């Protein structure tokens, strides 16, 4: 759901039992259906930060947590920051925030959903 506010706030809702897991290497998080849910969840948040990307990645490394830079739909960057390697927080640097605000308008969201629907199955 996209709020259409000045921050282009959005809430993503997934079916119960769907969990987000960090992917190996240079890949986005993956959704996994789990009939017996674990400590992972599809619920996540995106937050704005004034920190530089290197500082955010260093903070995760300091705690032994997974963190990596990703592109969402080719439209904007995020850092997947995995708190305790179970809960994903998408952290956006100032540059990523500008990309997000430009891309995540109601029209941009509809276009992204249409493109995903037209993409061939993996």
N, C-alpha and C. Protein backbone atom coordinates (compact mmCIF):
# COMPACT_ATOMS: atom_id res chain seq x y z
N UNK A 1 0.85 -1.16 0.00
CA UNK A 1 0.00 0.00 0.00
C UNK A 1 0.90 1.23 0.00
N UNK A 2 0.68 2.12 -0.89
CA UNK A 2 1.46 3.34 -1.00
C UNK A 2 0.61 4.50 -0.50
N UNK A 3 1.13 5.25 0.47
CA UNK A 3 0.36 6.30 1.12
C UNK A 3 0.17 7.53 0.23
N UNK A 4 1.11 7.79 -0.67
CA UNK A 4 1.02 8.99 -1.50
C UNK A 4 1.37 10.26 -0.74
N UNK A 5 2.09 10.12 0.39
CA UNK A 5 2.49 11.28 1.18
C UNK A 5 3.79 11.87 0.65
N UNK A 6 4.31 12.89 1.32
CA UNK A 6 5.53 13.56 0.84
C UNK A 6 6.78 12.70 0.97
N UNK A 7 6.71 11.56 1.71
CA UNK A 7 7.84 10.64 1.82
C UNK A 7 7.62 9.37 1.01
N UNK A 8 6.48 9.29 0.27
CA UNK A 8 6.13 8.09 -0.50
C UNK A 8 6.15 6.84 0.37
N UNK A 9 5.60 6.97 1.58
CA UNK A 9 5.56 5.86 2.53
C UNK A 9 4.78 4.70 1.94
N UNK A 10 5.25 3.48 2.22
CA UNK A 10 4.60 2.28 1.72
C UNK A 10 4.62 1.20 2.79
N UNK A 11 3.62 0.34 2.74
CA UNK A 11 3.55 -0.83 3.60
C UNK A 11 3.41 -2.04 2.68
N UNK A 12 4.29 -3.02 2.84
CA UNK A 12 4.19 -4.25 2.06
C UNK A 12 3.57 -5.31 2.96
N UNK A 13 2.57 -6.01 2.45
CA UNK A 13 1.89 -7.05 3.21
C UNK A 13 2.05 -8.37 2.47
N UNK A 14 2.43 -9.40 3.20
CA UNK A 14 2.66 -10.72 2.63
C UNK A 14 1.77 -11.74 3.34
N UNK A 15 1.50 -12.86 2.68
CA UNK A 15 0.70 -13.90 3.32
C UNK A 15 1.40 -14.46 4.57
N UNK A 16 0.60 -14.87 5.55
CA UNK A 16 1.14 -15.47 6.76
C UNK A 16 1.95 -16.71 6.38
N UNK A 17 3.08 -16.86 7.01
CA UNK A 17 3.96 -17.99 6.73
C UNK A 17 5.04 -17.69 5.72
N UNK A 18 4.92 -16.55 5.00
CA UNK A 18 5.98 -16.16 4.08
C UNK A 18 7.04 -15.44 4.89
N UNK A 19 8.27 -15.85 4.71
CA UNK A 19 9.39 -15.28 5.46
C UNK A 19 10.41 -14.72 4.48
N UNK A 20 11.05 -13.63 4.84
CA UNK A 20 12.18 -13.13 4.07
C UNK A 20 13.45 -13.69 4.67
N UNK A 21 14.33 -14.17 3.80
CA UNK A 21 15.62 -14.69 4.22
C UNK A 21 16.71 -13.97 3.44
N UNK A 22 17.86 -13.71 4.06
CA UNK A 22 18.96 -13.12 3.28
C UNK A 22 19.44 -14.13 2.25
N UNK A 23 19.76 -13.65 1.06
CA UNK A 23 20.26 -14.51 -0.01
C UNK A 23 21.78 -14.48 -0.01
N UNK A 24 22.38 -15.54 -0.52
CA UNK A 24 23.83 -15.61 -0.62
C UNK A 24 24.33 -14.66 -1.69
N UNK A 25 25.54 -14.17 -1.50
CA UNK A 25 26.20 -13.37 -2.52
C UNK A 25 25.45 -12.11 -2.89
N UNK A 26 25.52 -11.77 -4.16
CA UNK A 26 24.96 -10.52 -4.68
C UNK A 26 23.54 -10.76 -5.18
N UNK A 27 22.63 -11.07 -4.24
CA UNK A 27 21.24 -11.33 -4.61
C UNK A 27 20.32 -10.69 -3.58
N UNK A 28 19.10 -10.35 -4.02
CA UNK A 28 18.09 -9.78 -3.13
C UNK A 28 17.61 -10.84 -2.15
N UNK A 29 17.01 -10.37 -1.08
CA UNK A 29 16.36 -11.27 -0.12
C UNK A 29 15.33 -12.11 -0.88
N UNK A 30 15.08 -13.32 -0.37
CA UNK A 30 14.12 -14.21 -1.02
C UNK A 30 12.95 -14.50 -0.09
N UNK A 31 11.77 -14.60 -0.67
CA UNK A 31 10.58 -14.98 0.09
C UNK A 31 10.45 -16.49 0.08
N UNK A 32 10.29 -17.08 1.26
CA UNK A 32 10.18 -18.52 1.41
C UNK A 32 8.89 -18.83 2.17
N UNK A 33 8.03 -19.67 1.57
CA UNK A 33 6.82 -20.10 2.27
C UNK A 33 7.21 -21.17 3.27
N UNK A 34 6.82 -20.99 4.52
CA UNK A 34 7.19 -21.93 5.58
C UNK A 34 5.93 -22.36 6.32
N UNK A 35 5.53 -23.63 6.17
CA UNK A 35 4.33 -24.09 6.89
C UNK A 35 4.54 -24.13 8.40
N UNK A 36 5.81 -24.14 8.82
CA UNK A 36 6.16 -24.09 10.24
C UNK A 36 7.09 -22.90 10.44
N UNK A 37 6.52 -21.70 10.58
CA UNK A 37 7.33 -20.47 10.59
C UNK A 37 8.49 -20.49 11.58
N UNK A 38 9.59 -19.92 11.12
CA UNK A 38 10.80 -19.79 11.94
C UNK A 38 10.88 -18.36 12.48
N UNK A 39 12.07 -17.94 12.86
CA UNK A 39 12.27 -16.60 13.36
C UNK A 39 12.33 -15.54 12.27
N UNK A 40 12.28 -15.93 10.99
CA UNK A 40 12.27 -14.96 9.90
C UNK A 40 10.84 -14.51 9.65
N UNK A 41 10.72 -13.37 9.03
CA UNK A 41 9.41 -12.81 8.72
C UNK A 41 9.51 -12.01 7.43
N UNK A 42 8.40 -11.91 6.71
CA UNK A 42 8.37 -11.04 5.54
C UNK A 42 8.20 -9.58 5.95
N UNK A 43 7.81 -9.35 7.19
CA UNK A 43 7.64 -7.99 7.69
C UNK A 43 9.00 -7.31 7.76
N UNK A 44 9.08 -6.11 7.25
CA UNK A 44 10.32 -5.35 7.29
C UNK A 44 9.99 -3.86 7.23
N UNK A 45 10.99 -3.06 7.50
CA UNK A 45 10.82 -1.62 7.45
C UNK A 45 11.94 -1.02 6.61
N UNK A 46 11.66 0.15 6.08
CA UNK A 46 12.67 0.94 5.39
C UNK A 46 12.84 2.23 6.17
N UNK A 47 14.09 2.55 6.47
CA UNK A 47 14.35 3.76 7.24
C UNK A 47 15.37 4.63 6.52
N UNK A 48 15.25 5.91 6.72
CA UNK A 48 16.20 6.88 6.20
C UNK A 48 17.32 7.06 7.22
N UNK A 49 18.54 7.21 6.71
CA UNK A 49 19.69 7.44 7.58
C UNK A 49 20.56 8.54 6.99
N UNK A 50 21.21 9.29 7.86
CA UNK A 50 22.18 10.27 7.40
C UNK A 50 23.57 9.66 7.25
N UNK A 51 23.73 8.40 7.67
CA UNK A 51 25.04 7.75 7.60
C UNK A 51 25.40 7.40 6.17
N UNK A 52 26.70 7.29 5.91
CA UNK A 52 27.20 6.85 4.61
C UNK A 52 27.06 5.32 4.53
N UNK A 53 26.99 4.83 3.32
CA UNK A 53 26.86 3.39 3.10
C UNK A 53 27.96 2.61 3.81
N UNK A 54 29.19 3.08 3.73
CA UNK A 54 30.29 2.36 4.39
C UNK A 54 30.10 2.28 5.89
N UNK A 55 29.55 3.33 6.50
CA UNK A 55 29.30 3.33 7.94
C UNK A 55 28.20 2.34 8.32
N UNK A 56 27.16 2.24 7.50
CA UNK A 56 26.07 1.32 7.77
C UNK A 56 26.56 -0.12 7.66
N UNK A 57 27.32 -0.40 6.61
CA UNK A 57 27.87 -1.74 6.44
C UNK A 57 28.83 -2.10 7.57
N UNK A 58 29.62 -1.14 8.02
CA UNK A 58 30.55 -1.38 9.13
C UNK A 58 29.80 -1.67 10.43
N UNK A 59 28.69 -0.99 10.65
CA UNK A 59 27.89 -1.22 11.86
C UNK A 59 27.37 -2.66 11.88
N UNK A 60 26.87 -3.12 10.76
CA UNK A 60 26.39 -4.51 10.68
C UNK A 60 27.54 -5.48 10.93
N UNK A 61 28.68 -5.24 10.30
CA UNK A 61 29.84 -6.12 10.46
C UNK A 61 30.30 -6.17 11.91
N UNK A 62 30.24 -5.05 12.59
CA UNK A 62 30.63 -4.98 14.00
C UNK A 62 29.82 -5.95 14.85
N UNK A 63 28.57 -6.17 14.46
CA UNK A 63 27.69 -7.07 15.21
C UNK A 63 27.63 -8.48 14.62
N UNK A 64 28.32 -8.70 13.50
CA UNK A 64 28.28 -10.01 12.86
C UNK A 64 27.00 -10.25 12.08
N UNK A 65 26.35 -9.16 11.65
CA UNK A 65 25.09 -9.27 10.93
C UNK A 65 25.31 -9.08 9.43
N UNK A 66 24.50 -9.73 8.63
CA UNK A 66 24.54 -9.59 7.18
C UNK A 66 24.04 -8.21 6.78
N UNK A 67 24.73 -7.59 5.85
CA UNK A 67 24.29 -6.32 5.26
C UNK A 67 24.89 -6.24 3.87
N UNK A 68 24.07 -5.80 2.92
CA UNK A 68 24.58 -5.63 1.56
C UNK A 68 23.74 -4.61 0.81
N UNK A 69 24.38 -3.97 -0.13
CA UNK A 69 23.71 -2.97 -0.97
C UNK A 69 22.96 -3.68 -2.08
N UNK A 70 21.74 -3.20 -2.34
CA UNK A 70 20.89 -3.80 -3.36
C UNK A 70 20.19 -2.70 -4.15
N UNK A 71 19.66 -3.07 -5.32
CA UNK A 71 18.82 -2.18 -6.13
C UNK A 71 17.43 -2.80 -6.16
N UNK A 72 16.42 -2.03 -5.94
CA UNK A 72 15.04 -2.51 -5.98
C UNK A 72 14.43 -2.13 -7.31
N UNK A 73 14.19 -3.16 -8.13
CA UNK A 73 13.57 -2.95 -9.43
C UNK A 73 14.35 -2.04 -10.35
N UNK A 74 15.65 -1.89 -10.11
CA UNK A 74 16.46 -0.99 -10.90
C UNK A 74 16.16 0.47 -10.65
N UNK A 75 15.27 0.75 -9.67
CA UNK A 75 14.79 2.12 -9.47
C UNK A 75 15.49 2.86 -8.34
N UNK A 76 15.82 2.16 -7.26
CA UNK A 76 16.44 2.83 -6.12
C UNK A 76 17.27 1.83 -5.32
N UNK A 77 18.25 2.35 -4.62
CA UNK A 77 19.12 1.51 -3.82
C UNK A 77 18.64 1.42 -2.38
N UNK A 78 18.97 0.31 -1.74
CA UNK A 78 18.76 0.11 -0.31
C UNK A 78 19.94 -0.68 0.22
N UNK A 79 20.10 -0.66 1.50
CA UNK A 79 21.03 -1.58 2.15
C UNK A 79 20.18 -2.55 2.95
N UNK A 80 20.25 -3.83 2.59
CA UNK A 80 19.58 -4.86 3.39
C UNK A 80 20.42 -5.04 4.65
N UNK A 81 19.88 -4.65 5.76
CA UNK A 81 20.56 -4.69 7.05
C UNK A 81 19.79 -5.70 7.89
N UNK A 82 20.39 -6.86 8.15
CA UNK A 82 19.71 -7.97 8.79
C UNK A 82 20.01 -8.00 10.29
N UNK A 83 19.11 -7.43 11.09
CA UNK A 83 19.27 -7.40 12.54
C UNK A 83 19.22 -8.84 13.05
N UNK A 84 20.26 -9.23 13.76
CA UNK A 84 20.41 -10.59 14.28
C UNK A 84 20.28 -11.64 13.17
N UNK A 85 20.54 -11.24 11.91
CA UNK A 85 20.45 -12.10 10.74
C UNK A 85 19.07 -12.73 10.58
N UNK A 86 18.03 -12.04 11.08
CA UNK A 86 16.66 -12.54 10.99
C UNK A 86 15.65 -11.49 10.53
N UNK A 87 15.84 -10.26 10.91
CA UNK A 87 14.86 -9.21 10.62
C UNK A 87 15.49 -8.18 9.69
N UNK A 88 14.88 -8.00 8.51
CA UNK A 88 15.46 -7.09 7.53
C UNK A 88 14.97 -5.65 7.74
N UNK A 89 15.93 -4.75 7.80
CA UNK A 89 15.67 -3.32 7.79
C UNK A 89 16.32 -2.80 6.51
N UNK A 90 15.54 -2.16 5.66
CA UNK A 90 16.10 -1.53 4.48
C UNK A 90 16.53 -0.13 4.89
N UNK A 91 17.83 0.12 4.86
CA UNK A 91 18.38 1.42 5.26
C UNK A 91 18.72 2.19 3.99
N UNK A 92 18.27 3.44 3.94
CA UNK A 92 18.53 4.28 2.77
C UNK A 92 19.40 5.47 3.15
N UNK A 93 20.54 5.58 2.46
CA UNK A 93 21.42 6.73 2.63
C UNK A 93 20.72 7.95 2.00
N UNK A 94 21.27 9.16 2.20
CA UNK A 94 20.64 10.33 1.55
C UNK A 94 20.48 10.18 0.04
N UNK A 95 21.47 9.60 -0.64
CA UNK A 95 21.37 9.41 -2.08
C UNK A 95 20.26 8.43 -2.43
N UNK A 96 20.17 7.34 -1.66
CA UNK A 96 19.13 6.35 -1.89
C UNK A 96 17.74 6.92 -1.61
N UNK A 97 17.65 7.80 -0.62
CA UNK A 97 16.38 8.44 -0.30
C UNK A 97 15.89 9.27 -1.49
N UNK A 98 16.80 9.98 -2.13
CA UNK A 98 16.41 10.79 -3.29
C UNK A 98 15.90 9.91 -4.43
N UNK A 99 16.57 8.78 -4.67
CA UNK A 99 16.11 7.83 -5.70
C UNK A 99 14.73 7.28 -5.34
N UNK A 100 14.55 6.91 -4.08
CA UNK A 100 13.28 6.35 -3.61
C UNK A 100 12.14 7.35 -3.81
N UNK A 101 12.37 8.58 -3.39
CA UNK A 101 11.32 9.60 -3.53
C UNK A 101 10.95 9.85 -4.98
N UNK A 102 11.93 9.75 -5.88
CA UNK A 102 11.66 9.95 -7.30
C UNK A 102 10.91 8.76 -7.90
N UNK A 103 11.20 7.55 -7.43
CA UNK A 103 10.63 6.34 -8.03
C UNK A 103 9.33 5.88 -7.41
N UNK A 104 9.18 6.02 -6.12
CA UNK A 104 8.05 5.39 -5.42
C UNK A 104 6.84 6.30 -5.29
N UNK A 105 6.41 6.80 -6.43
CA UNK A 105 5.16 7.55 -6.51
C UNK A 105 4.06 6.53 -6.81
N UNK A 106 2.80 6.88 -6.66
CA UNK A 106 1.75 5.93 -7.04
C UNK A 106 1.90 5.43 -8.48
N UNK A 107 2.22 6.32 -9.42
CA UNK A 107 2.40 5.89 -10.82
C UNK A 107 3.62 4.99 -10.96
N UNK A 108 4.70 5.31 -10.27
CA UNK A 108 5.90 4.49 -10.32
C UNK A 108 5.66 3.10 -9.74
N UNK A 109 4.88 3.03 -8.66
CA UNK A 109 4.57 1.75 -8.02
C UNK A 109 3.71 0.90 -8.96
N UNK A 110 2.70 1.50 -9.62
CA UNK A 110 1.88 0.75 -10.56
C UNK A 110 2.73 0.21 -11.72
N UNK A 111 3.66 1.02 -12.21
CA UNK A 111 4.53 0.57 -13.31
C UNK A 111 5.41 -0.58 -12.86
N UNK A 112 5.95 -0.52 -11.65
CA UNK A 112 6.80 -1.58 -11.13
C UNK A 112 6.01 -2.88 -10.99
N UNK A 113 4.78 -2.79 -10.47
CA UNK A 113 3.94 -3.99 -10.33
C UNK A 113 3.59 -4.58 -11.70
N UNK A 114 3.32 -3.73 -12.67
CA UNK A 114 2.99 -4.21 -14.03
C UNK A 114 4.20 -4.89 -14.64
N UNK A 115 5.39 -4.32 -14.47
CA UNK A 115 6.60 -4.92 -15.02
C UNK A 115 6.87 -6.27 -14.37
N UNK A 116 6.65 -6.38 -13.06
CA UNK A 116 6.86 -7.65 -12.36
C UNK A 116 5.87 -8.71 -12.85
N UNK A 117 4.65 -8.30 -13.11
CA UNK A 117 3.63 -9.24 -13.58
C UNK A 117 3.95 -9.75 -14.99
N UNK A 118 4.60 -8.91 -15.79
CA UNK A 118 4.94 -9.27 -17.17
C UNK A 118 6.25 -10.04 -17.28
N UNK A 119 7.04 -10.09 -16.19
CA UNK A 119 8.34 -10.75 -16.22
C UNK A 119 8.15 -12.26 -16.33
N UNK A 120 9.02 -12.94 -17.11
CA UNK A 120 8.91 -14.40 -17.22
C UNK A 120 9.21 -15.05 -15.86
N UNK A 121 8.55 -16.16 -15.59
CA UNK A 121 8.76 -16.89 -14.34
C UNK A 121 10.18 -17.44 -14.31
N UNK A 122 10.78 -17.43 -13.12
CA UNK A 122 12.17 -17.92 -12.99
C UNK A 122 12.21 -19.43 -12.98
